[in-house]
PDB file of N, CA and C in Angstrom:
ATOM      1  N   MET A   1       7.360  -5.261 -44.050  1.00  0.00           N
ATOM      2  CA  MET A   1       6.516  -6.132 -43.261  1.00  0.00           C
ATOM      3  C   MET A   1       6.537  -5.650 -41.816  1.00  0.00           C
ATOM      4  N   GLY A   2       5.348  -5.485 -41.228  1.00  0.00           N
ATOM      5  CA  GLY A   2       5.238  -4.986 -39.864  1.00  0.00           C
ATOM      6  C   GLY A   2       5.094  -6.108 -38.856  1.00  0.00           C
ATOM      7  N   ILE A   3       4.922  -5.703 -37.646  1.00  0.00           N
ATOM      8  CA  ILE A   3       4.726  -6.649 -36.548  1.00  0.00           C
ATOM      9  C   ILE A   3       3.256  -7.036 -36.490  1.00  0.00           C
ATOM     10  N   GLU A   4       2.990  -8.307 -36.249  1.00  0.00           N
ATOM     11  CA  GLU A   4       1.619  -8.777 -36.064  1.00  0.00           C
ATOM     12  C   GLU A   4       1.404  -9.072 -34.596  1.00  0.00           C
ATOM     13  N   ILE A   5       0.262  -8.635 -34.083  1.00  0.00           N
ATOM     14  CA  ILE A   5      -0.084  -8.889 -32.689  1.00  0.00           C
ATOM     15  C   ILE A   5      -1.052 -10.055 -32.636  1.00  0.00           C
ATOM     16  N   LEU A   6      -0.677 -11.102 -31.908  1.00  0.00           N
ATOM     17  CA  LEU A   6      -1.488 -12.298 -31.732  1.00  0.00           C
ATOM     18  C   LEU A   6      -1.875 -12.376 -30.268  1.00  0.00           C
ATOM     19  N   ALA A   7      -3.175 -12.467 -29.989  1.00  0.00           N
ATOM     20  CA  ALA A   7      -3.651 -12.455 -28.606  1.00  0.00           C
ATOM     21  C   ALA A   7      -4.386 -13.749 -28.270  1.00  0.00           C
ATOM     22  N   PRO A   8      -4.207 -14.256 -27.053  1.00  0.00           N
ATOM     23  CA  PRO A   8      -4.995 -15.404 -26.620  1.00  0.00           C
ATOM     24  C   PRO A   8      -6.403 -14.938 -26.261  1.00  0.00           C
ATOM     25  N   ALA A   9      -7.380 -15.793 -26.449  1.00  0.00           N
ATOM     26  CA  ALA A   9      -8.748 -15.436 -26.092  1.00  0.00           C
ATOM     27  C   ALA A   9      -9.431 -16.633 -25.455  1.00  0.00           C
ATOM     28  N   GLY A  10      -9.800 -16.490 -24.208  1.00  0.00           N
ATOM     29  CA  GLY A  10     -10.445 -17.577 -23.483  1.00  0.00           C
ATOM     30  C   GLY A  10     -11.942 -17.419 -23.350  1.00  0.00           C
ATOM     31  N   SER A  11     -12.491 -16.326 -23.894  1.00  0.00           N
ATOM     32  CA  SER A  11     -13.931 -16.089 -23.840  1.00  0.00           C
ATOM     33  C   SER A  11     -14.317 -15.172 -24.995  1.00  0.00           C
ATOM     34  N   PRO A  12     -15.603 -15.159 -25.338  1.00  0.00           N
ATOM     35  CA  PRO A  12     -16.027 -14.228 -26.388  1.00  0.00           C
ATOM     36  C   PRO A  12     -15.685 -12.773 -26.040  1.00  0.00           C
ATOM     37  N   GLU A  13     -15.849 -12.406 -24.788  1.00  0.00           N
ATOM     38  CA  GLU A  13     -15.547 -11.043 -24.369  1.00  0.00           C
ATOM     39  C   GLU A  13     -14.085 -10.690 -24.608  1.00  0.00           C
ATOM     40  N   SER A  14     -13.184 -11.645 -24.389  1.00  0.00           N
ATOM     41  CA  SER A  14     -11.761 -11.359 -24.598  1.00  0.00           C
ATOM     42  C   SER A  14     -11.431 -11.230 -26.084  1.00  0.00           C
ATOM     43  N   ILE A  15     -12.169 -11.920 -26.951  1.00  0.00           N
ATOM     44  CA  ILE A  15     -11.982 -11.724 -28.395  1.00  0.00           C
ATOM     45  C   ILE A  15     -12.362 -10.308 -28.772  1.00  0.00           C
ATOM     46  N   TYR A  16     -13.532  -9.865 -28.313  1.00  0.00           N
ATOM     47  CA  TYR A  16     -14.002  -8.521 -28.657  1.00  0.00           C
ATOM     48  C   TYR A  16     -13.045  -7.461 -28.125  1.00  0.00           C
ATOM     49  N   ALA A  17     -12.558  -7.649 -26.914  1.00  0.00           N
ATOM     50  CA  ALA A  17     -11.609  -6.686 -26.337  1.00  0.00           C
ATOM     51  C   ALA A  17     -10.306  -6.664 -27.124  1.00  0.00           C
ATOM     52  N   ALA A  18      -9.815  -7.822 -27.500  1.00  0.00           N
ATOM     53  CA  ALA A  18      -8.553  -7.881 -28.256  1.00  0.00           C
ATOM     54  C   ALA A  18      -8.686  -7.174 -29.603  1.00  0.00           C
ATOM     55  N   VAL A  19      -9.806  -7.391 -30.281  1.00  0.00           N
ATOM     56  CA  VAL A  19     -10.025  -6.742 -31.578  1.00  0.00           C
ATOM     57  C   VAL A  19     -10.160  -5.230 -31.393  1.00  0.00           C
ATOM     58  N   ARG A  20     -10.912  -4.806 -30.384  1.00  0.00           N
ATOM     59  CA  ARG A  20     -11.054  -3.364 -30.119  1.00  0.00           C
ATOM     60  C   ARG A  20      -9.715  -2.717 -29.808  1.00  0.00           C
ATOM     61  N   CYS A  21      -8.797  -3.472 -29.228  1.00  0.00           N
ATOM     62  CA  CYS A  21      -7.484  -2.918 -28.854  1.00  0.00           C
ATOM     63  C   CYS A  21      -6.454  -3.039 -29.972  1.00  0.00           C
ATOM     64  N   GLY A  22      -6.843  -3.588 -31.119  1.00  0.00           N
ATOM     65  CA  GLY A  22      -5.978  -3.565 -32.283  1.00  0.00           C
ATOM     66  C   GLY A  22      -5.212  -4.826 -32.611  1.00  0.00           C
ATOM     67  N   THR A  23      -5.559  -5.954 -32.006  1.00  0.00           N
ATOM     68  CA  THR A  23      -4.849  -7.180 -32.359  1.00  0.00           C
ATOM     69  C   THR A  23      -5.104  -7.557 -33.817  1.00  0.00           C
ATOM     70  N   ASN A  24      -4.154  -8.226 -34.428  1.00  0.00           N
ATOM     71  CA  ASN A  24      -4.311  -8.689 -35.804  1.00  0.00           C
ATOM     72  C   ASN A  24      -4.954 -10.069 -35.869  1.00  0.00           C
ATOM     73  N   ALA A  25      -4.787 -10.849 -34.810  1.00  0.00           N
ATOM     74  CA  ALA A  25      -5.300 -12.219 -34.792  1.00  0.00           C
ATOM     75  C   ALA A  25      -5.455 -12.676 -33.348  1.00  0.00           C
ATOM     76  N   VAL A  26      -6.343 -13.649 -33.144  1.00  0.00           N
ATOM     77  CA  VAL A  26      -6.507 -14.256 -31.825  1.00  0.00           C
ATOM     78  C   VAL A  26      -6.392 -15.770 -31.971  1.00  0.00           C
ATOM     79  N   TYR A  27      -6.047 -16.425 -30.886  1.00  0.00           N
ATOM     80  CA  TYR A  27      -6.081 -17.885 -30.909  1.00  0.00           C
ATOM     81  C   TYR A  27      -6.984 -18.370 -29.800  1.00  0.00           C
ATOM     82  N   VAL A  28      -7.762 -19.408 -30.114  1.00  0.00           N
ATOM     83  CA  VAL A  28      -8.777 -19.925 -29.204  1.00  0.00           C
ATOM     84  C   VAL A  28      -8.748 -21.447 -29.221  1.00  0.00           C
ATOM     85  N   GLY A  29      -9.473 -22.035 -28.286  1.00  0.00           N
ATOM     86  CA  GLY A  29      -9.629 -23.488 -28.250  1.00  0.00           C
ATOM     87  C   GLY A  29     -11.095 -23.838 -28.376  1.00  0.00           C
ATOM     88  N   GLY A  30     -11.387 -24.868 -29.134  1.00  0.00           N
ATOM     89  CA  GLY A  30     -12.756 -25.335 -29.273  1.00  0.00           C
ATOM     90  C   GLY A  30     -13.051 -26.447 -28.290  1.00  0.00           C
ATOM     91  N   SER A  31     -14.321 -26.774 -28.163  1.00  0.00           N
ATOM     92  CA  SER A  31     -14.699 -27.804 -27.189  1.00  0.00           C
ATOM     93  C   SER A  31     -14.200 -29.192 -27.581  1.00  0.00           C
ATOM     94  N   ARG A  32     -13.955 -29.424 -28.874  1.00  0.00           N
ATOM     95  CA  ARG A  32     -13.487 -30.741 -29.313  1.00  0.00           C
ATOM     96  C   ARG A  32     -12.029 -30.749 -29.737  1.00  0.00           C
ATOM     97  N   PHE A  33     -11.400 -29.575 -29.785  1.00  0.00           N
ATOM     98  CA  PHE A  33      -9.995 -29.512 -30.183  1.00  0.00           C
ATOM     99  C   PHE A  33      -9.331 -28.350 -29.475  1.00  0.00           C
ATOM    100  N   SER A  34      -8.433 -28.661 -28.562  1.00  0.00           N
ATOM    101  CA  SER A  34      -7.734 -27.617 -27.832  1.00  0.00           C
ATOM    102  C   SER A  34      -6.559 -28.225 -27.087  1.00  0.00           C
ATOM    103  N   ALA A  35      -5.479 -27.483 -27.020  1.00  0.00           N
ATOM    104  CA  ALA A  35      -4.328 -27.926 -26.232  1.00  0.00           C
ATOM    105  C   ALA A  35      -4.595 -27.738 -24.743  1.00  0.00           C
ATOM    106  N   ARG A  36      -5.620 -26.939 -24.433  1.00  0.00           N
ATOM    107  CA  ARG A  36      -5.988 -26.697 -23.044  1.00  0.00           C
ATOM    108  C   ARG A  36      -7.237 -27.510 -22.724  1.00  0.00           C
ATOM    109  N   ALA A  37      -7.106 -28.795 -22.669  1.00  0.00           N
ATOM    110  CA  ALA A  37      -8.247 -29.700 -22.537  1.00  0.00           C
ATOM    111  C   ALA A  37      -9.069 -29.459 -21.280  1.00  0.00           C
ATOM    112  N   ASN A  38      -8.452 -29.016 -20.204  1.00  0.00           N
ATOM    113  CA  ASN A  38      -9.180 -28.822 -18.951  1.00  0.00           C
ATOM    114  C   ASN A  38      -9.724 -27.412 -18.795  1.00  0.00           C
ATOM    115  N   ALA A  39      -9.504 -26.554 -19.771  1.00  0.00           N
ATOM    116  CA  ALA A  39      -9.992 -25.176 -19.705  1.00  0.00           C
ATOM    117  C   ALA A  39     -11.423 -25.112 -20.240  1.00  0.00           C
ATOM    118  N   THR A  40     -12.089 -24.004 -19.934  1.00  0.00           N
ATOM    119  CA  THR A  40     -13.382 -23.743 -20.543  1.00  0.00           C
ATOM    120  C   THR A  40     -13.112 -23.268 -21.962  1.00  0.00           C
ATOM    121  N   ASN A  41     -13.587 -23.996 -22.938  1.00  0.00           N
ATOM    122  CA  ASN A  41     -13.318 -23.683 -24.334  1.00  0.00           C
ATOM    123  C   ASN A  41     -14.589 -23.238 -25.037  1.00  0.00           C
ATOM    124  N   PHE A  42     -14.436 -22.760 -26.250  1.00  0.00           N
ATOM    125  CA  PHE A  42     -15.544 -22.219 -27.014  1.00  0.00           C
ATOM    126  C   PHE A  42     -16.432 -23.313 -27.583  1.00  0.00           C
ATOM    127  N   THR A  43     -17.737 -23.046 -27.610  1.00  0.00           N
ATOM    128  CA  THR A  43     -18.662 -23.924 -28.324  1.00  0.00           C
ATOM    129  C   THR A  43     -18.606 -23.564 -29.801  1.00  0.00           C
ATOM    130  N   ALA A  44     -19.183 -24.392 -30.635  1.00  0.00           N
ATOM    131  CA  ALA A  44     -19.213 -24.113 -32.072  1.00  0.00           C
ATOM    132  C   ALA A  44     -19.966 -22.815 -32.358  1.00  0.00           C
ATOM    133  N   ASP A  45     -21.052 -22.569 -31.643  1.00  0.00           N
ATOM    134  CA  ASP A  45     -21.818 -21.333 -31.845  1.00  0.00           C
ATOM    135  C   ASP A  45     -21.023 -20.101 -31.432  1.00  0.00           C
ATOM    136  N   GLU A  46     -20.280 -20.189 -30.323  1.00  0.00           N
ATOM    137  CA  GLU A  46     -19.453 -19.057 -29.887  1.00  0.00           C
ATOM    138  C   GLU A  46     -18.347 -18.778 -30.900  1.00  0.00           C
ATOM    139  N   LEU A  47     -17.726 -19.823 -31.419  1.00  0.00           N
ATOM    140  CA  LEU A  47     -16.676 -19.628 -32.432  1.00  0.00           C
ATOM    141  C   LEU A  47     -17.242 -19.007 -33.697  1.00  0.00           C
ATOM    142  N   SER A  48     -18.408 -19.447 -34.111  1.00  0.00           N
ATOM    143  CA  SER A  48     -19.050 -18.896 -35.306  1.00  0.00           C
ATOM    144  C   SER A  48     -19.354 -17.417 -35.118  1.00  0.00           C
ATOM    145  N   ALA A  49     -19.879 -17.039 -33.962  1.00  0.00           N
ATOM    146  CA  ALA A  49     -20.188 -15.635 -33.681  1.00  0.00           C
ATOM    147  C   ALA A  49     -18.910 -14.803 -33.644  1.00  0.00           C
ATOM    148  N   ALA A  50     -17.831 -15.350 -33.094  1.00  0.00           N
ATOM    149  CA  ALA A  50     -16.555 -14.633 -33.028  1.00  0.00           C
ATOM    150  C   ALA A  50     -15.992 -14.388 -34.421  1.00  0.00           C
ATOM    151  N   VAL A  51     -16.093 -15.387 -35.296  1.00  0.00           N
ATOM    152  CA  VAL A  51     -15.616 -15.233 -36.672  1.00  0.00           C
ATOM    153  C   VAL A  51     -16.428 -14.159 -37.388  1.00  0.00           C
ATOM    154  N   ASP A  52     -17.731 -14.155 -37.184  1.00  0.00           N
ATOM    155  CA  ASP A  52     -18.592 -13.136 -37.794  1.00  0.00           C
ATOM    156  C   ASP A  52     -18.210 -11.736 -37.309  1.00  0.00           C
ATOM    157  N   TYR A  53     -17.835 -11.644 -36.038  1.00  0.00           N
ATOM    158  CA  TYR A  53     -17.435 -10.353 -35.470  1.00  0.00           C
ATOM    159  C   TYR A  53     -16.191  -9.834 -36.148  1.00  0.00           C
TER     160      TYR A  53
END
């Protein structure tokens, strides 16, 4: 079993960059569910596009 790289992603651009750099997984916050309530979070459409990516 190897090491897994988990990266935070606060924008769609940071998801794409993390994947291009080899991360295994990212964690994000949605507009209706996030531990970072005061942060700018992903809309449902942005999350859907990120999953498709």
